[in-house]
Amino acid sequence: MSRINAPLIIAFGLTLAGVVSAANAVPIATTASAATSVSTGTIIAYPSISTTGANPNGTALTLANTSLPQYFYVLNSGSIEIVSVTITISYSSTTAKKSFLHCGQNVLFAGTNTCASGIPVTVAGSGAVTLNLTPGSWYAFEIDAKKVVTPTISVSVSSAQIRAAINSNS
C-alpha cells in the first residue's frame, strides 16, 4: 500500500480550488458567425470659411465684424463619423436678437435663412449640435447677429460624439 503525503494533498487541493475560482471569474463571451474587425481612425472636425478649408489645428475661426448674415462651415476630414459637435461662439460685443441656422449635410445656403435644398435648422447657440457628419462631409451655418459684432467660432468633438465604423459580413 502506498503512502499518501499530506502536504501534496493539501497543495493539490489548493491548486484545484484556485483553478475553479479562476474559471468562475472568467467572463462569458459570445461569438458571432461573421468576422468582426477593429481598426483605428481619426476624429478631425473644425470650422472653416469655405467647404474646402484647411484644418486650423485648434485655432478658432474669426468671422468679419459686420451686421450682415455670416456663413461658416464645420468640416469632418477624419475617418470616423461624428454624430454631434460642440460649437462655442463668442462675440466682440453683446448681440441683439440673433438667428443661428444650419442646412443639411453638404447643402449650401442659397440666401439669408434659405438653404439650396431643404429647410434650415435653428441652432440654439453655443453647445452641442446634433448632426450626422460623415467623413469628408460638411455643414453650412449662418449667423445673423443683427448688430455689428465679430463672431469667433470653435468646434470640438468628444469621444461620446462619434460613431465607430461597423463592418458586418452577410
Protein backbone atom coordinates (compact mmCIF):
# COMPACT_ATOMS: atom_id res chain seq x y z
CA MET A 1 0.00 0.00 0.00
CA SER A 2 1.36 3.34 -0.91
CA ARG A 3 1.71 6.13 1.50
CA ILE A 4 -0.01 9.49 0.66
CA ASN A 5 1.93 12.59 1.51
CA ALA A 6 -0.34 15.07 3.38
CA PRO A 7 1.39 18.25 2.10
CA LEU A 8 0.95 17.01 -1.51
CA ILE A 9 -2.81 16.51 -0.99
CA ILE A 10 -3.16 20.00 0.52
CA ALA A 11 -1.19 21.58 -2.34
CA PHE A 12 -3.31 19.70 -4.91
CA GLY A 13 -6.50 20.79 -3.15
CA LEU A 14 -5.41 24.45 -3.10
CA THR A 15 -4.40 24.31 -6.77
CA LEU A 16 -7.73 22.77 -7.73
CA ALA A 17 -9.59 25.42 -5.69
CA GLY A 18 -7.59 28.14 -7.48
CA VAL A 19 -8.48 26.72 -10.89
CA VAL A 20 -12.17 26.50 -10.01
CA SER A 21 -12.15 30.07 -8.62
CA ALA A 22 -10.33 31.39 -11.72
CA ALA A 23 -12.75 29.59 -14.02
CA ASN A 24 -15.69 31.18 -12.21
CA ALA A 25 -14.11 34.65 -12.60
CA VAL A 26 -13.70 34.42 -16.39
CA PRO A 27 -16.43 36.42 -18.13
CA ILE A 28 -18.65 34.57 -20.54
CA ALA A 29 -18.04 35.62 -24.16
CA THR A 30 -20.22 35.03 -27.16
CA THR A 31 -19.11 34.81 -30.75
CA ALA A 32 -20.76 35.97 -33.91
CA SER A 33 -20.98 33.88 -37.04
CA ALA A 34 -19.33 36.71 -39.03
CA ALA A 35 -15.88 38.18 -38.56
CA THR A 36 -15.59 41.48 -36.72
CA SER A 37 -12.80 43.90 -37.42
CA VAL A 38 -11.39 46.57 -35.15
CA SER A 39 -9.35 49.39 -36.55
CA THR A 40 -8.13 52.86 -35.67
CA GLY A 41 -9.41 56.10 -37.13
CA THR A 42 -9.12 59.85 -36.86
CA ILE A 43 -11.53 62.42 -35.46
CA ILE A 44 -10.98 65.76 -37.21
CA ALA A 45 -13.74 68.38 -37.17
CA TYR A 46 -13.16 72.10 -37.47
CA PRO A 47 -14.80 75.38 -38.53
CA SER A 48 -13.82 76.91 -41.87
CA ILE A 49 -14.74 79.88 -44.01
CA SER A 50 -15.21 77.54 -47.03
CA THR A 51 -16.32 73.96 -47.72
CA THR A 52 -12.73 73.06 -48.63
CA GLY A 53 -10.90 74.98 -45.91
CA ALA A 54 -7.78 73.59 -44.28
CA ASN A 55 -7.70 72.39 -40.68
CA PRO A 56 -6.67 75.35 -38.47
CA ASN A 57 -5.23 72.89 -35.88
CA GLY A 58 -7.19 74.14 -32.88
CA THR A 59 -7.27 77.83 -33.83
CA ALA A 60 -10.69 79.43 -33.56
CA LEU A 61 -12.30 80.87 -36.69
CA THR A 62 -12.94 84.62 -36.51
CA LEU A 63 -15.59 85.97 -38.86
CA ALA A 64 -15.95 89.56 -40.12
CA ASN A 65 -17.07 92.49 -37.98
CA THR A 66 -20.43 93.18 -39.60
CA SER A 67 -24.17 93.26 -39.00
CA LEU A 68 -24.85 91.16 -42.13
CA PRO A 69 -25.51 87.40 -42.03
CA GLN A 70 -22.23 85.47 -41.96
CA TYR A 71 -21.52 81.92 -43.04
CA PHE A 72 -19.08 79.27 -41.91
CA TYR A 73 -18.76 75.53 -42.32
CA VAL A 74 -17.97 72.63 -40.00
CA LEU A 75 -15.93 70.01 -41.82
CA ASN A 76 -15.11 66.39 -40.97
CA SER A 77 -11.79 65.49 -42.58
CA GLY A 78 -11.27 62.49 -40.30
CA SER A 79 -12.16 58.87 -40.93
CA ILE A 80 -14.81 58.44 -38.19
CA GLU A 81 -18.45 59.52 -38.38
CA ILE A 82 -19.41 62.28 -35.95
CA VAL A 83 -22.96 62.41 -34.56
CA SER A 84 -22.67 65.80 -32.89
CA VAL A 85 -20.17 68.60 -32.40
CA THR A 86 -19.82 71.19 -29.68
CA ILE A 87 -19.76 74.70 -31.12
CA THR A 88 -18.60 77.57 -28.94
CA ILE A 89 -19.34 81.08 -30.21
CA SER A 90 -18.12 84.27 -28.64
CA TYR A 91 -18.93 87.78 -29.88
CA SER A 92 -16.93 91.02 -29.72
CA SER A 93 -19.96 92.64 -28.05
CA THR A 94 -23.39 91.60 -26.84
CA THR A 95 -25.58 90.72 -29.77
CA ALA A 96 -29.08 91.89 -30.49
CA LYS A 97 -31.64 89.25 -31.34
CA LYS A 98 -29.74 86.77 -33.47
CA SER A 99 -30.51 83.81 -35.67
CA PHE A 100 -28.23 80.80 -35.96
CA LEU A 101 -29.11 78.17 -38.56
CA HIS A 102 -27.61 75.24 -40.46
CA CYS A 103 -28.56 73.44 -43.66
CA GLY A 104 -28.44 69.70 -44.28
CA GLN A 105 -25.21 67.81 -44.83
CA ASN A 106 -23.30 69.18 -47.88
CA VAL A 107 -26.05 71.74 -48.61
CA LEU A 108 -25.15 75.42 -49.08
CA PHE A 109 -27.20 78.46 -48.12
CA ALA A 110 -28.83 80.00 -51.23
CA GLY A 111 -29.66 83.25 -49.44
CA THR A 112 -30.41 84.61 -45.99
CA ASN A 113 -32.31 81.96 -44.00
CA THR A 114 -32.65 79.82 -47.15
CA CYS A 115 -30.92 76.52 -47.92
CA ALA A 116 -30.27 75.46 -51.53
CA SER A 117 -32.44 72.43 -50.71
CA GLY A 118 -34.40 71.55 -47.62
CA ILE A 119 -35.33 73.71 -44.67
CA PRO A 120 -32.74 75.39 -42.41
CA VAL A 121 -32.48 74.05 -38.86
CA THR A 122 -32.37 76.51 -35.95
CA VAL A 123 -29.40 76.10 -33.62
CA ALA A 124 -29.83 77.23 -30.01
CA GLY A 125 -26.37 78.82 -29.78
CA SER A 126 -23.18 77.60 -28.19
CA GLY A 127 -23.23 73.97 -27.15
CA ALA A 128 -23.74 70.53 -28.63
CA VAL A 129 -25.30 70.43 -32.08
CA THR A 130 -26.65 67.06 -33.23
CA LEU A 131 -25.84 66.29 -36.85
CA ASN A 132 -24.66 63.35 -38.90
CA LEU A 133 -21.20 64.41 -40.09
CA THR A 134 -19.79 61.56 -42.16
CA PRO A 135 -16.10 61.52 -43.13
CA GLY A 136 -15.41 64.04 -45.91
CA SER A 137 -18.66 65.96 -45.38
CA TRP A 138 -19.56 69.41 -44.07
CA TYR A 139 -22.45 71.52 -42.78
CA ALA A 140 -23.11 75.17 -43.65
CA PHE A 141 -24.00 77.51 -40.76
CA GLU A 142 -25.45 81.03 -40.87
CA ILE A 143 -25.16 83.56 -38.05
CA ASP A 144 -27.14 86.78 -38.24
CA ALA A 145 -26.35 88.82 -35.14
CA LYS A 146 -28.40 91.81 -36.38
CA LYS A 147 -25.74 94.07 -34.87
CA VAL A 148 -22.12 94.83 -35.77
CA VAL A 149 -20.15 92.11 -33.96
CA THR A 150 -17.20 89.81 -34.61
CA PRO A 151 -18.18 86.17 -34.01
CA THR A 152 -15.41 83.72 -33.09
CA ILE A 153 -16.20 80.03 -33.64
CA SER A 154 -14.59 77.00 -32.01
CA VAL A 155 -15.55 73.37 -32.64
CA SER A 156 -14.75 70.34 -30.51
CA VAL A 157 -15.73 66.67 -30.51
CA SER A 158 -15.65 64.30 -27.54
CA SER A 159 -15.45 60.53 -27.69
CA ALA A 160 -19.17 60.39 -26.84
CA GLN A 161 -19.92 62.35 -30.03
CA ILE A 162 -18.57 59.80 -32.50
CA ARG A 163 -19.95 56.70 -34.11
CA ALA A 164 -17.40 53.98 -34.70
CA ALA A 165 -17.39 52.30 -38.09
CA ILE A 166 -19.24 48.98 -38.14
CA ASN A 167 -18.21 46.23 -40.52
CA SER A 168 -20.64 43.40 -40.93
CA ASN A 169 -20.42 40.41 -43.22
CA SER A 170 -23.58 38.83 -44.50
